[in-house]
Amino acid sequence: MLQEVFKRYETKYLLTEDMFRRLMLAAGGSFQPDQYEQYQISNIYFDTPDCQLIRRSLEKPVYKEKLRLRAYGTGIDQDSQVFPELKKKYDRVVYKRRIQMSLREARDCFYMGKETGRRDQIFQELDYVMKRYGLVPMACITYERQAYTCCLDRRIRLTFDWNLLGRSWDLDLGSGVFGDRILEKGMVLMELKTAGAVPLWLSHIFSRLEIFPASFSKYGTYYQNYLIPEMASEKTAVKEGGRRCA
């Protein structure tokens, strides 16, 4: 059954592959692979043309929100099922609301602005945010994920993301996995997802292995490393073009 609403705490950590292996040796017995274990994730992030949402997010406000279109696996085509998601964060608590539809329907709705006839609550929330900000597809972020669930408390999950790639062109989930590297080779992004505080036994393992929280945004890092220079270059080209035409 599709889970449409999430409420949880999410903490990120940047690990080397060696740190990942040592963590699995120390805590692996308390976690088991989730039902999918390892899979590909592809996301289209929507933003204003001047990237208002990610600029605001990077300022670390008490409240922030993002809208993305997510797909799992490879070989995605127009009939594949995808997940439009509205993710909000308030005072460290993450709230995520999502629906399911075909990629064809999602493109008609979120790219072309066509009416779908859907009237369910979460779709209306997504549609409102799209229209309120005038959102357009801005970046595609892909990565490979391994996910584990705690045997002692199934509300605790660890996810590990490798091979983070981003692009601002060919923004279609069916186009495949390629782009510029977001996280340097040999690094792993870990996310700890809990319903409340991190249990002491897990905190002790993190402390012993010198694993500490890190501020990291996939889309934010892509924006800072690639989109800002790209937009600056476009502005320069426009100005120079204008002078040549004068």
Protein backbone atom coordinates (compact mmCIF):
# COMPACT_ATOMS: atom_id res chain seq x y z
CA MET A 1 0.00 0.00 0.00
CA LEU A 2 1.34 3.42 -0.96
CA GLN A 3 2.21 5.59 2.00
CA GLU A 4 1.08 9.10 1.12
CA VAL A 5 1.88 11.03 4.30
CA PHE A 6 5.13 11.02 6.30
CA LYS A 7 6.12 12.84 9.48
CA ARG A 8 9.60 12.25 10.85
CA TYR A 9 12.99 13.64 11.80
CA GLU A 10 15.72 13.35 9.19
CA THR A 11 19.44 13.79 9.95
CA LYS A 12 22.16 13.68 7.29
CA TYR A 13 25.75 12.50 7.57
CA LEU A 14 28.59 12.48 5.04
CA LEU A 15 30.66 9.29 5.18
CA THR A 16 33.62 7.85 3.38
CA GLU A 17 33.16 4.32 2.07
CA ASP A 18 35.46 3.12 4.85
CA MET A 19 33.25 4.80 7.48
CA PHE A 20 30.22 3.13 5.89
CA ARG A 21 31.85 -0.31 6.17
CA ARG A 22 32.84 0.27 9.80
CA LEU A 23 29.32 1.44 10.65
CA MET A 24 27.83 -1.69 9.09
CA LEU A 25 30.19 -3.85 11.14
CA ALA A 26 29.26 -2.02 14.34
CA ALA A 27 25.50 -1.62 13.82
CA GLY A 28 24.61 -3.86 10.90
CA GLY A 29 23.24 -6.59 13.15
CA SER A 30 20.59 -4.19 14.41
CA PHE A 31 19.41 -3.33 10.88
CA GLN A 32 18.01 -5.36 8.04
CA PRO A 33 17.66 -4.38 4.37
CA ASP A 34 14.22 -3.00 3.64
CA GLN A 35 11.99 -4.71 1.10
CA TYR A 36 13.71 -3.06 -1.87
CA GLU A 37 17.27 -3.00 -0.37
CA GLN A 38 19.10 -1.32 -3.26
CA TYR A 39 17.55 0.77 -6.03
CA GLN A 40 17.92 3.79 -8.28
CA ILE A 41 16.12 7.05 -7.44
CA SER A 42 15.55 9.87 -9.94
CA ASN A 43 14.05 13.24 -9.05
CA ILE A 44 12.96 16.32 -10.94
CA TYR A 45 13.11 19.38 -8.67
CA PHE A 46 10.71 22.22 -9.41
CA ASP A 47 11.58 25.81 -8.60
CA THR A 48 11.00 29.34 -9.80
CA PRO A 49 13.09 30.40 -12.82
CA ASP A 50 15.36 32.37 -10.44
CA CYS A 51 15.58 29.44 -7.96
CA GLN A 52 13.69 31.17 -5.16
CA LEU A 53 12.85 27.98 -3.25
CA ILE A 54 16.38 26.61 -3.04
CA ARG A 55 17.87 30.04 -2.29
CA ARG A 56 15.48 30.39 0.62
CA SER A 57 16.15 26.82 1.77
CA LEU A 58 19.91 27.41 1.89
CA GLU A 59 19.33 30.30 4.29
CA LYS A 60 18.14 27.65 6.79
CA PRO A 61 14.78 29.19 7.73
CA VAL A 62 12.54 27.63 10.38
CA TYR A 63 10.08 26.64 7.63
CA LYS A 64 10.87 25.58 4.07
CA GLU A 65 9.24 23.54 1.33
CA LYS A 66 10.12 21.85 -1.94
CA LEU A 67 8.24 20.10 -4.71
CA ARG A 68 9.72 17.26 -6.72
CA LEU A 69 8.74 14.41 -9.01
CA ARG A 70 10.31 11.09 -8.01
CA ALA A 71 10.72 7.75 -9.76
CA TYR A 72 12.24 4.48 -8.60
CA GLY A 73 14.24 2.03 -10.69
CA THR A 74 15.53 2.18 -14.25
CA GLY A 75 13.90 1.82 -17.64
CA ILE A 76 11.34 4.53 -16.84
CA ASP A 77 8.88 5.28 -19.64
CA GLN A 78 5.74 7.37 -20.02
CA ASP A 79 3.56 4.64 -18.46
CA SER A 80 5.79 4.16 -15.40
CA GLN A 81 4.41 5.14 -12.02
CA VAL A 82 6.00 8.25 -10.48
CA PHE A 83 5.45 10.22 -7.28
CA PRO A 84 4.86 13.97 -7.14
CA GLU A 85 5.91 15.00 -3.61
CA LEU A 86 5.51 18.07 -1.48
CA LYS A 87 8.14 18.10 1.26
CA LYS A 88 7.99 20.61 4.10
CA LYS A 89 10.31 21.08 7.04
CA TYR A 90 9.35 22.99 10.16
CA ASP A 91 11.53 23.21 13.27
CA ARG A 92 13.52 20.08 12.30
CA VAL A 93 10.41 17.97 11.62
CA VAL A 94 9.92 16.78 8.04
CA TYR A 95 6.43 16.41 6.58
CA LYS A 96 6.07 14.72 3.20
CA ARG A 97 2.88 14.30 1.18
CA ARG A 98 2.80 12.50 -2.13
CA ILE A 99 0.55 10.89 -4.72
CA GLN A 100 1.07 8.36 -7.49
CA MET A 101 0.42 8.78 -11.21
CA SER A 102 1.92 7.81 -14.55
CA LEU A 103 4.82 9.82 -15.90
CA ARG A 104 2.65 10.80 -18.86
CA GLU A 105 -0.02 12.22 -16.54
CA ALA A 106 2.60 13.95 -14.38
CA ARG A 107 4.16 15.62 -17.43
CA ASP A 108 0.78 16.84 -18.65
CA CYS A 109 -0.02 18.26 -15.24
CA PHE A 110 3.27 19.60 -13.85
CA TYR A 111 5.08 20.47 -17.10
CA MET A 112 2.25 21.49 -19.39
CA GLY A 113 -0.28 22.78 -16.84
CA LYS A 114 -3.10 20.64 -18.23
CA GLU A 115 -6.15 19.78 -16.16
CA THR A 116 -6.20 16.17 -14.94
CA GLY A 117 -9.62 16.03 -13.32
CA ARG A 118 -8.09 14.96 -10.00
CA ARG A 119 -9.63 16.52 -6.92
CA ASP A 120 -7.98 14.60 -4.07
CA GLN A 121 -6.57 16.66 -1.20
CA ILE A 122 -2.85 16.04 -1.72
CA PHE A 123 -3.07 16.73 -5.45
CA GLN A 124 -4.77 20.05 -4.73
CA GLU A 125 -1.96 20.95 -2.32
CA LEU A 126 0.64 20.14 -4.97
CA ASP A 127 -1.27 22.09 -7.60
CA TYR A 128 -1.59 25.09 -5.28
CA VAL A 129 2.15 25.24 -4.60
CA MET A 130 2.92 24.91 -8.33
CA LYS A 131 0.65 27.83 -9.18
CA ARG A 132 1.51 29.95 -6.16
CA TYR A 133 5.21 30.10 -7.02
CA GLY A 134 4.99 29.55 -10.77
CA LEU A 135 7.22 26.49 -10.54
CA VAL A 136 9.02 24.92 -13.48
CA PRO A 137 11.37 21.90 -13.70
CA MET A 138 14.88 23.11 -12.81
CA ALA A 139 17.11 20.11 -12.09
CA CYS A 140 17.26 16.32 -12.28
CA ILE A 141 19.05 14.63 -9.38
CA THR A 142 19.75 10.88 -9.47
CA TYR A 143 21.48 8.45 -7.11
CA GLU A 144 21.72 4.81 -6.04
CA ARG A 145 20.28 4.01 -2.60
CA GLN A 146 20.64 1.22 -0.06
CA ALA A 147 18.04 1.28 2.70
CA TYR A 148 17.88 -0.48 6.07
CA THR A 149 15.22 -0.75 8.76
CA CYS A 150 16.06 -1.15 12.45
CA CYS A 151 15.14 -4.59 13.84
CA LEU A 152 14.47 -3.05 17.28
CA ASP A 153 12.24 -0.22 16.05
CA ARG A 154 10.88 -0.24 12.50
CA ARG A 155 10.34 3.53 12.67
CA ILE A 156 14.13 3.95 12.48
CA ARG A 157 15.65 3.77 8.98
CA LEU A 158 19.11 4.32 7.54
CA THR A 159 19.54 5.13 3.87
CA PHE A 160 22.86 5.39 2.00
CA ASP A 161 23.14 7.25 -1.31
CA TRP A 162 25.95 6.81 -3.85
CA ASN A 163 26.77 8.27 -7.26
CA LEU A 164 24.84 11.52 -6.89
CA LEU A 165 24.47 13.14 -10.32
CA GLY A 166 22.66 16.30 -11.36
CA ARG A 167 21.73 18.06 -14.59
CA SER A 168 19.73 21.11 -15.64
CA TRP A 169 19.04 19.86 -19.17
CA ASP A 170 16.91 17.01 -20.55
CA LEU A 171 14.63 17.21 -17.51
CA ASP A 172 12.65 14.05 -18.13
CA LEU A 173 12.69 11.06 -15.78
CA GLY A 174 12.59 8.78 -18.80
CA SER A 175 15.87 10.11 -20.20
CA GLY A 176 18.12 7.97 -18.00
CA VAL A 177 20.85 8.46 -15.41
CA PHE A 178 23.59 10.95 -16.28
CA GLY A 179 24.83 14.38 -15.28
CA ASP A 180 27.45 16.23 -13.28
CA ARG A 181 28.84 14.69 -10.12
CA ILE A 182 27.39 16.26 -6.94
CA LEU A 183 29.26 14.24 -4.33
CA GLU A 184 32.89 13.33 -4.89
CA LYS A 185 33.72 9.73 -5.66
CA GLY A 186 34.20 7.56 -2.57
CA MET A 187 31.73 9.58 -0.47
CA VAL A 188 28.36 8.35 0.79
CA LEU A 189 25.39 10.39 1.98
CA MET A 190 23.66 8.73 4.94
CA GLU A 191 20.24 9.79 6.22
CA LEU A 192 18.84 8.70 9.57
CA LYS A 193 15.05 8.80 9.66
CA THR A 194 13.33 8.54 13.04
CA ALA A 195 9.97 9.25 14.64
CA GLY A 196 11.70 11.05 17.52
CA ALA A 197 15.07 11.30 19.23
CA VAL A 198 17.99 9.15 18.09
CA PRO A 199 18.25 6.13 20.45
CA LEU A 200 21.23 6.23 22.82
CA TRP A 201 22.72 2.95 21.62
CA LEU A 202 22.87 4.29 18.04
CA SER A 203 24.21 7.68 19.19
CA HIS A 204 27.02 5.87 21.03
CA ILE A 205 27.97 3.97 17.88
CA PHE A 206 28.02 7.19 15.83
CA SER A 207 30.13 8.91 18.49
CA ARG A 208 32.61 6.03 18.71
CA LEU A 209 33.05 6.03 14.94
CA GLU A 210 33.21 9.85 14.82
CA ILE A 211 30.14 10.10 12.62
CA PHE A 212 28.58 13.54 13.03
CA PRO A 213 25.59 15.31 11.44
CA ALA A 214 26.30 17.36 8.32
CA SER A 215 24.34 20.05 6.54
CA PHE A 216 23.91 18.79 2.98
CA SER A 217 21.25 19.31 0.32
CA LYS A 218 21.43 17.39 -2.96
CA TYR A 219 19.59 20.02 -4.97
CA GLY A 220 21.21 22.82 -2.94
CA THR A 221 24.71 21.53 -3.68
CA TYR A 222 23.91 21.16 -7.37
CA TYR A 223 22.50 24.69 -7.39
CA GLN A 224 25.61 26.16 -5.75
CA ASN A 225 28.15 24.21 -7.80
CA TYR A 226 26.50 24.24 -11.22
CA LEU A 227 23.32 26.31 -11.54
CA ILE A 228 24.77 29.55 -10.14
CA PRO A 229 27.76 29.53 -12.55
CA GLU A 230 25.45 28.47 -15.38
CA MET A 231 23.00 31.32 -14.76
CA ALA A 232 25.85 33.82 -14.35
CA SER A 233 27.30 32.67 -17.68
CA GLU A 234 23.91 33.08 -19.36
CA LYS A 235 23.57 36.63 -18.02
CA THR A 236 27.05 37.50 -19.26
CA ALA A 237 26.26 36.07 -22.69
CA VAL A 238 23.04 38.11 -22.88
CA LYS A 239 24.87 41.32 -21.92
CA GLU A 240 27.68 40.71 -24.38
CA GLY A 241 25.19 39.83 -27.07
CA GLY A 242 23.34 43.06 -26.37
CA ARG A 243 26.53 45.10 -26.69
CA ARG A 244 27.41 43.43 -29.98
CA CYS A 245 23.99 44.24 -31.38
CA ALA A 246 24.12 47.89 -30.27
